[in-house]
Amino acid sequence: MSRRFQFSIRFLLLVTVGIAAGTAAVRAEPSAKSALAVECLTVAFATVAIVGVKETCGKLRTFWIGTAIVLGPLAIYAVQKSIFPLACVLKTTEHIGTFDGHNYVWPLWCLAPANGVLAVFIQWLFSPNKDSG
């Protein structure tokens, strides 16, 4: 059985690093390197959500499931989309055009936790008296 979630300094530090890295990647000037950073962070956030599903229980597990539902397909798309920026970075040449990866990712990064909260609310509607696990 999974253990109950507890806040810790380590968890708060990891959340702060994730938010800072995401903000820096999205606010960076459009380039192959920044596009690749955004795609890698998307895959990392999806991995965190999937591990959160495995390692938690109850309503927190429901939150992570709702978050993973948004981030899972986004990570698959990010891996597909990162092939061209990766080729540009490895060749150390920049593409003449711009990389528009910043436009679609950050709203979905914000939507993922909101979907997790919605999943917890829907779980509460279906079973308000018990904590599923």
N, C-alpha and C. Protein backbone atom coordinates (compact mmCIF):
# COMPACT_ATOMS: atom_id res chain seq x y z
N MET A 1 0.84 -1.19 0.00
CA MET A 1 0.00 0.00 0.00
C MET A 1 0.88 1.24 0.00
N SER A 2 0.45 2.24 -0.70
CA SER A 2 1.21 3.48 -0.79
C SER A 2 1.14 4.26 0.51
N ARG A 3 2.17 5.02 0.75
CA ARG A 3 2.19 5.81 1.98
C ARG A 3 1.46 7.14 1.77
N ARG A 4 1.05 7.74 2.87
CA ARG A 4 0.32 9.00 2.83
C ARG A 4 1.28 10.15 2.51
N PHE A 5 0.82 11.11 1.72
CA PHE A 5 1.64 12.24 1.29
C PHE A 5 1.87 13.19 2.45
N GLN A 6 3.10 13.68 2.60
CA GLN A 6 3.43 14.69 3.59
C GLN A 6 4.27 15.77 2.91
N PHE A 7 3.99 17.02 3.25
CA PHE A 7 4.80 18.11 2.73
C PHE A 7 6.18 18.06 3.34
N SER A 8 7.17 18.41 2.56
CA SER A 8 8.54 18.45 3.06
C SER A 8 9.27 19.60 2.36
N ILE A 9 10.39 19.95 2.92
CA ILE A 9 11.22 20.99 2.32
C ILE A 9 11.70 20.53 0.94
N ARG A 10 12.03 19.26 0.80
CA ARG A 10 12.48 18.73 -0.48
C ARG A 10 11.39 18.88 -1.55
N PHE A 11 10.14 18.56 -1.19
CA PHE A 11 9.03 18.68 -2.12
C PHE A 11 8.83 20.15 -2.53
N LEU A 12 8.85 21.05 -1.57
CA LEU A 12 8.68 22.48 -1.89
C LEU A 12 9.82 23.00 -2.76
N LEU A 13 11.05 22.52 -2.52
CA LEU A 13 12.18 22.92 -3.34
C LEU A 13 12.02 22.40 -4.77
N LEU A 14 11.58 21.16 -4.93
CA LEU A 14 11.37 20.60 -6.27
C LEU A 14 10.26 21.34 -7.01
N VAL A 15 9.19 21.70 -6.33
CA VAL A 15 8.11 22.46 -6.97
C VAL A 15 8.62 23.82 -7.41
N THR A 16 9.41 24.47 -6.57
CA THR A 16 9.97 25.78 -6.91
C THR A 16 10.90 25.68 -8.11
N VAL A 17 11.74 24.65 -8.14
CA VAL A 17 12.64 24.46 -9.28
C VAL A 17 11.84 24.19 -10.55
N GLY A 18 10.80 23.38 -10.47
CA GLY A 18 9.96 23.09 -11.63
C GLY A 18 9.28 24.33 -12.18
N ILE A 19 8.74 25.14 -11.29
CA ILE A 19 8.07 26.38 -11.72
C ILE A 19 9.09 27.35 -12.32
N ALA A 20 10.26 27.47 -11.69
CA ALA A 20 11.29 28.37 -12.22
C ALA A 20 11.79 27.91 -13.58
N ALA A 21 12.04 26.61 -13.72
CA ALA A 21 12.52 26.09 -15.01
C ALA A 21 11.46 26.27 -16.10
N GLY A 22 10.22 26.00 -15.76
CA GLY A 22 9.13 26.17 -16.73
C GLY A 22 8.97 27.61 -17.16
N THR A 23 9.03 28.52 -16.20
CA THR A 23 8.90 29.94 -16.52
C THR A 23 10.08 30.42 -17.37
N ALA A 24 11.28 29.98 -17.03
CA ALA A 24 12.46 30.39 -17.79
C ALA A 24 12.40 29.85 -19.22
N ALA A 25 11.96 28.61 -19.38
CA ALA A 25 11.90 28.02 -20.72
C ALA A 25 10.84 28.70 -21.58
N VAL A 26 9.71 29.03 -20.98
CA VAL A 26 8.63 29.65 -21.75
C VAL A 26 8.96 31.10 -22.08
N ARG A 27 9.62 31.81 -21.18
CA ARG A 27 9.92 33.22 -21.39
C ARG A 27 11.18 33.45 -22.22
N ALA A 28 11.94 32.40 -22.51
CA ALA A 28 13.18 32.55 -23.27
C ALA A 28 12.87 32.96 -24.71
N GLU A 29 13.86 33.55 -25.35
CA GLU A 29 13.72 33.93 -26.75
C GLU A 29 13.54 32.66 -27.59
N PRO A 30 12.61 32.66 -28.53
CA PRO A 30 12.38 31.45 -29.33
C PRO A 30 13.63 31.01 -30.09
N SER A 31 14.06 29.80 -29.81
CA SER A 31 15.22 29.21 -30.48
C SER A 31 15.08 27.70 -30.39
N ALA A 32 16.00 27.01 -31.03
CA ALA A 32 15.96 25.54 -30.97
C ALA A 32 16.23 25.06 -29.55
N LYS A 33 17.13 25.72 -28.85
CA LYS A 33 17.46 25.30 -27.48
C LYS A 33 16.29 25.53 -26.52
N SER A 34 15.63 26.67 -26.63
CA SER A 34 14.49 26.91 -25.74
C SER A 34 13.32 25.99 -26.08
N ALA A 35 13.11 25.69 -27.36
CA ALA A 35 12.05 24.76 -27.74
C ALA A 35 12.34 23.37 -27.19
N LEU A 36 13.60 22.96 -27.27
CA LEU A 36 13.98 21.65 -26.74
C LEU A 36 13.82 21.62 -25.22
N ALA A 37 14.14 22.72 -24.55
CA ALA A 37 13.97 22.78 -23.09
C ALA A 37 12.50 22.66 -22.71
N VAL A 38 11.62 23.32 -23.46
CA VAL A 38 10.19 23.24 -23.18
C VAL A 38 9.70 21.81 -23.37
N GLU A 39 10.13 21.15 -24.43
CA GLU A 39 9.70 19.79 -24.70
C GLU A 39 10.22 18.82 -23.62
N CYS A 40 11.47 19.00 -23.20
CA CYS A 40 12.03 18.14 -22.15
C CYS A 40 11.32 18.35 -20.82
N LEU A 41 10.99 19.60 -20.50
CA LEU A 41 10.25 19.87 -19.26
C LEU A 41 8.86 19.25 -19.30
N THR A 42 8.24 19.25 -20.47
CA THR A 42 6.92 18.64 -20.60
C THR A 42 6.98 17.15 -20.29
N VAL A 43 7.99 16.48 -20.82
CA VAL A 43 8.17 15.05 -20.54
C VAL A 43 8.47 14.84 -19.06
N ALA A 44 9.28 15.71 -18.47
CA ALA A 44 9.61 15.58 -17.05
C ALA A 44 8.36 15.78 -16.18
N PHE A 45 7.53 16.77 -16.50
CA PHE A 45 6.31 17.00 -15.72
C PHE A 45 5.35 15.81 -15.84
N ALA A 46 5.26 15.21 -17.03
CA ALA A 46 4.41 14.03 -17.20
C ALA A 46 4.95 12.86 -16.38
N THR A 47 6.26 12.72 -16.34
CA THR A 47 6.86 11.65 -15.54
C THR A 47 6.57 11.84 -14.06
N VAL A 48 6.65 13.06 -13.59
CA VAL A 48 6.34 13.36 -12.19
C VAL A 48 4.88 13.00 -11.89
N ALA A 49 3.98 13.32 -12.80
CA ALA A 49 2.57 13.00 -12.59
C ALA A 49 2.34 11.50 -12.54
N ILE A 50 3.01 10.75 -13.40
CA ILE A 50 2.84 9.29 -13.41
C ILE A 50 3.41 8.67 -12.14
N VAL A 51 4.56 9.15 -11.70
CA VAL A 51 5.13 8.66 -10.44
C VAL A 51 4.23 9.04 -9.27
N GLY A 52 3.62 10.23 -9.34
CA GLY A 52 2.67 10.64 -8.30
C GLY A 52 1.48 9.72 -8.21
N VAL A 53 1.02 9.22 -9.35
CA VAL A 53 -0.09 8.26 -9.35
C VAL A 53 0.33 6.99 -8.62
N LYS A 54 1.54 6.53 -8.88
CA LYS A 54 2.01 5.28 -8.28
C LYS A 54 2.28 5.41 -6.78
N GLU A 55 2.80 6.54 -6.37
CA GLU A 55 3.29 6.67 -5.00
C GLU A 55 2.29 7.26 -4.00
N THR A 56 1.11 7.64 -4.42
CA THR A 56 0.16 8.25 -3.50
C THR A 56 -1.12 7.43 -3.43
N CYS A 57 -2.03 7.86 -2.59
CA CYS A 57 -3.31 7.17 -2.45
C CYS A 57 -4.41 8.20 -2.18
N GLY A 58 -5.65 7.74 -2.30
CA GLY A 58 -6.79 8.58 -1.97
C GLY A 58 -7.01 9.72 -2.95
N LYS A 59 -7.40 10.85 -2.39
CA LYS A 59 -7.71 12.02 -3.22
C LYS A 59 -6.46 12.58 -3.90
N LEU A 60 -5.32 12.42 -3.28
CA LEU A 60 -4.09 12.89 -3.92
C LEU A 60 -3.79 12.04 -5.16
N ARG A 61 -4.05 10.75 -5.10
CA ARG A 61 -3.89 9.90 -6.28
C ARG A 61 -4.85 10.35 -7.39
N THR A 62 -6.07 10.69 -7.02
CA THR A 62 -7.04 11.18 -8.01
C THR A 62 -6.53 12.46 -8.66
N PHE A 63 -5.94 13.36 -7.86
CA PHE A 63 -5.35 14.58 -8.40
C PHE A 63 -4.27 14.25 -9.43
N TRP A 64 -3.36 13.35 -9.09
CA TRP A 64 -2.27 13.01 -10.00
C TRP A 64 -2.78 12.31 -11.27
N ILE A 65 -3.85 11.52 -11.15
CA ILE A 65 -4.44 10.89 -12.33
C ILE A 65 -5.00 11.96 -13.26
N GLY A 66 -5.72 12.93 -12.70
CA GLY A 66 -6.26 14.02 -13.51
C GLY A 66 -5.17 14.84 -14.17
N THR A 67 -4.07 15.04 -13.48
CA THR A 67 -2.94 15.77 -14.04
C THR A 67 -2.26 14.96 -15.15
N ALA A 68 -2.10 13.67 -14.92
CA ALA A 68 -1.43 12.81 -15.91
C ALA A 68 -2.26 12.67 -17.18
N ILE A 69 -3.59 12.76 -17.05
CA ILE A 69 -4.44 12.66 -18.24
C ILE A 69 -4.14 13.80 -19.22
N VAL A 70 -3.82 14.97 -18.71
CA VAL A 70 -3.47 16.10 -19.59
C VAL A 70 -2.01 16.00 -20.04
N LEU A 71 -1.11 15.68 -19.12
CA LEU A 71 0.31 15.73 -19.43
C LEU A 71 0.80 14.53 -20.24
N GLY A 72 0.13 13.38 -20.14
CA GLY A 72 0.56 12.19 -20.88
C GLY A 72 0.54 12.40 -22.39
N PRO A 73 -0.63 12.73 -22.97
CA PRO A 73 -0.65 12.99 -24.42
C PRO A 73 0.22 14.18 -24.83
N LEU A 74 0.31 15.19 -23.95
CA LEU A 74 1.16 16.34 -24.25
C LEU A 74 2.63 15.92 -24.33
N ALA A 75 3.04 15.00 -23.46
CA ALA A 75 4.43 14.51 -23.50
C ALA A 75 4.70 13.72 -24.77
N ILE A 76 3.73 12.93 -25.20
CA ILE A 76 3.90 12.18 -26.45
C ILE A 76 4.06 13.15 -27.62
N TYR A 77 3.24 14.18 -27.65
CA TYR A 77 3.35 15.19 -28.70
C TYR A 77 4.68 15.94 -28.60
N ALA A 78 5.13 16.20 -27.37
CA ALA A 78 6.40 16.91 -27.18
C ALA A 78 7.57 16.10 -27.71
N VAL A 79 7.55 14.80 -27.49
CA VAL A 79 8.63 13.95 -28.00
C VAL A 79 8.63 13.98 -29.53
N GLN A 80 7.45 13.90 -30.12
CA GLN A 80 7.35 13.98 -31.58
C GLN A 80 7.89 15.31 -32.10
N LYS A 81 7.52 16.38 -31.42
CA LYS A 81 7.86 17.73 -31.88
C LYS A 81 9.32 18.09 -31.61
N SER A 82 9.97 17.40 -30.68
CA SER A 82 11.33 17.78 -30.29
C SER A 82 12.40 17.25 -31.23
N ILE A 83 12.03 16.46 -32.20
CA ILE A 83 13.04 15.88 -33.09
C ILE A 83 13.76 16.97 -33.90
N PHE A 84 13.02 17.93 -34.45
CA PHE A 84 13.64 18.98 -35.25
C PHE A 84 14.52 19.92 -34.41
N PRO A 85 14.03 20.43 -33.24
CA PRO A 85 14.93 21.26 -32.43
C PRO A 85 16.17 20.51 -31.96
N LEU A 86 16.03 19.21 -31.68
CA LEU A 86 17.19 18.42 -31.26
C LEU A 86 18.21 18.34 -32.39
N ALA A 87 17.74 18.16 -33.60
CA ALA A 87 18.65 18.12 -34.74
C ALA A 87 19.36 19.46 -34.90
N CYS A 88 18.65 20.56 -34.69
CA CYS A 88 19.28 21.89 -34.79
C CYS A 88 20.32 22.09 -33.71
N VAL A 89 20.03 21.63 -32.49
CA VAL A 89 20.97 21.82 -31.38
C VAL A 89 22.21 20.95 -31.60
N LEU A 90 22.02 19.73 -32.05
CA LEU A 90 23.17 18.85 -32.26
C LEU A 90 24.07 19.33 -33.40
N LYS A 91 23.49 19.96 -34.40
CA LYS A 91 24.28 20.50 -35.51
C LYS A 91 24.82 21.88 -35.18
N THR A 92 24.41 22.45 -34.05
CA THR A 92 24.76 23.80 -33.61
C THR A 92 24.44 24.85 -34.66
N THR A 93 23.37 24.64 -35.38
CA THR A 93 22.89 25.65 -36.31
C THR A 93 21.46 25.99 -35.93
N GLU A 94 21.11 27.22 -36.11
CA GLU A 94 19.77 27.66 -35.80
C GLU A 94 18.93 27.68 -37.06
N HIS A 95 17.70 27.30 -36.93
CA HIS A 95 16.77 27.35 -38.05
C HIS A 95 16.38 28.81 -38.27
N ILE A 96 16.15 29.20 -39.51
CA ILE A 96 15.81 30.59 -39.83
C ILE A 96 14.48 30.99 -39.20
N GLY A 97 13.52 30.08 -39.18
CA GLY A 97 12.20 30.38 -38.63
C GLY A 97 12.21 30.38 -37.11
N THR A 98 11.03 30.58 -36.56
CA THR A 98 10.90 30.57 -35.11
C THR A 98 10.27 29.26 -34.66
N PHE A 99 10.49 28.93 -33.41
CA PHE A 99 9.92 27.74 -32.81
C PHE A 99 8.73 28.17 -31.98
N ASP A 100 7.57 27.68 -32.33
CA ASP A 100 6.34 28.12 -31.67
C ASP A 100 5.92 27.19 -30.53
N GLY A 101 6.85 26.44 -29.98
CA GLY A 101 6.52 25.51 -28.91
C GLY A 101 6.02 26.19 -27.65
N HIS A 102 6.35 27.45 -27.49
CA HIS A 102 5.93 28.18 -26.29
C HIS A 102 4.44 28.48 -26.30
N ASN A 103 3.83 28.52 -27.47
CA ASN A 103 2.45 28.98 -27.57
C ASN A 103 1.43 27.98 -27.06
N TYR A 104 1.68 26.70 -27.22
CA TYR A 104 0.68 25.72 -26.83
C TYR A 104 0.97 25.06 -25.49
N VAL A 105 2.19 25.11 -25.01
CA VAL A 105 2.57 24.31 -23.85
C VAL A 105 2.14 24.94 -22.53
N TRP A 106 2.43 26.20 -22.33
CA TRP A 106 2.20 26.76 -20.99
C TRP A 106 0.73 26.77 -20.60
N PRO A 107 -0.23 26.99 -21.51
CA PRO A 107 -1.63 26.88 -21.05
C PRO A 107 -1.98 25.46 -20.62
N LEU A 108 -1.40 24.47 -21.30
CA LEU A 108 -1.67 23.08 -20.91
C LEU A 108 -0.96 22.71 -19.61
N TRP A 109 0.22 23.29 -19.37
CA TRP A 109 0.88 23.09 -18.08
C TRP A 109 -0.01 23.61 -16.95
N CYS A 110 -0.67 24.74 -17.19
CA CYS A 110 -1.57 25.31 -16.18
C CYS A 110 -2.88 24.53 -16.09
N LEU A 111 -3.33 23.98 -17.20
CA LEU A 111 -4.57 23.21 -17.22
C LEU A 111 -4.43 21.88 -16.49
N ALA A 112 -3.25 21.29 -16.51
CA ALA A 112 -3.06 19.95 -15.92
C ALA A 112 -3.41 19.92 -14.42
N PRO A 113 -2.87 20.81 -13.58
CA PRO A 113 -3.28 20.78 -12.17
C PRO A 113 -4.75 21.14 -11.98
N ALA A 114 -5.28 22.02 -12.83
CA ALA A 114 -6.70 22.35 -12.74
C ALA A 114 -7.55 21.12 -13.05
N ASN A 115 -7.13 20.32 -14.00
CA ASN A 115 -7.83 19.08 -14.29
C ASN A 115 -7.71 18.10 -13.13
N GLY A 116 -6.57 18.09 -12.45
CA GLY A 116 -6.42 17.26 -11.26
C GLY A 116 -7.38 17.66 -10.15
N VAL A 117 -7.54 18.96 -9.94
CA VAL A 117 -8.50 19.45 -8.94
C VAL A 117 -9.93 19.09 -9.34
N LEU A 118 -10.22 19.22 -10.63
CA LEU A 118 -11.54 18.83 -11.12
C LEU A 118 -11.79 17.34 -10.90
N ALA A 119 -10.78 16.51 -11.09
CA ALA A 119 -10.93 15.07 -10.85
C ALA A 119 -11.23 14.78 -9.38
N VAL A 120 -10.57 15.50 -8.48
CA VAL A 120 -10.84 15.32 -7.04
C VAL A 120 -12.26 15.76 -6.72
N PHE A 121 -12.72 16.86 -7.31
CA PHE A 121 -14.08 17.33 -7.08
C PHE A 121 -15.11 16.32 -7.60
N ILE A 122 -14.86 15.76 -8.78
CA ILE A 122 -15.78 14.77 -9.32
C ILE A 122 -15.79 13.52 -8.45
N GLN A 123 -14.61 13.12 -7.94
CA GLN A 123 -14.57 11.98 -7.03
C GLN A 123 -15.39 12.27 -5.77
N TRP A 124 -15.26 13.48 -5.26
CA TRP A 124 -16.02 13.86 -4.06
C TRP A 124 -17.53 13.82 -4.35
N LEU A 125 -17.94 14.22 -5.56
CA LEU A 125 -19.36 14.16 -5.92
C LEU A 125 -19.88 12.73 -5.93
N PHE A 126 -19.07 11.81 -6.43
CA PHE A 126 -19.51 10.42 -6.52
C PHE A 126 -19.42 9.68 -5.18
N SER A 127 -18.44 10.01 -4.35
CA SER A 127 -18.29 9.33 -3.07
C SER A 127 -17.83 10.31 -2.00
N PRO A 128 -18.75 11.15 -1.48
CA PRO A 128 -18.34 12.20 -0.55
C PRO A 128 -17.91 11.69 0.83
N ASN A 129 -18.29 10.48 1.21
CA ASN A 129 -18.04 10.01 2.58
C ASN A 129 -16.83 9.11 2.71
N LYS A 130 -16.23 8.69 1.61
CA LYS A 130 -15.10 7.80 1.74
C LYS A 130 -13.94 8.30 0.88
N ASP A 131 -12.75 7.94 1.33
CA ASP A 131 -11.52 8.29 0.62
C ASP A 131 -11.10 7.05 -0.15
N SER A 132 -11.18 7.12 -1.48
CA SER A 132 -10.83 5.92 -2.26
C SER A 132 -9.33 5.77 -2.31
N GLY A 133 -8.88 4.57 -2.49
CA GLY A 133 -7.45 4.33 -2.52
C GLY A 133 -7.10 3.17 -3.25
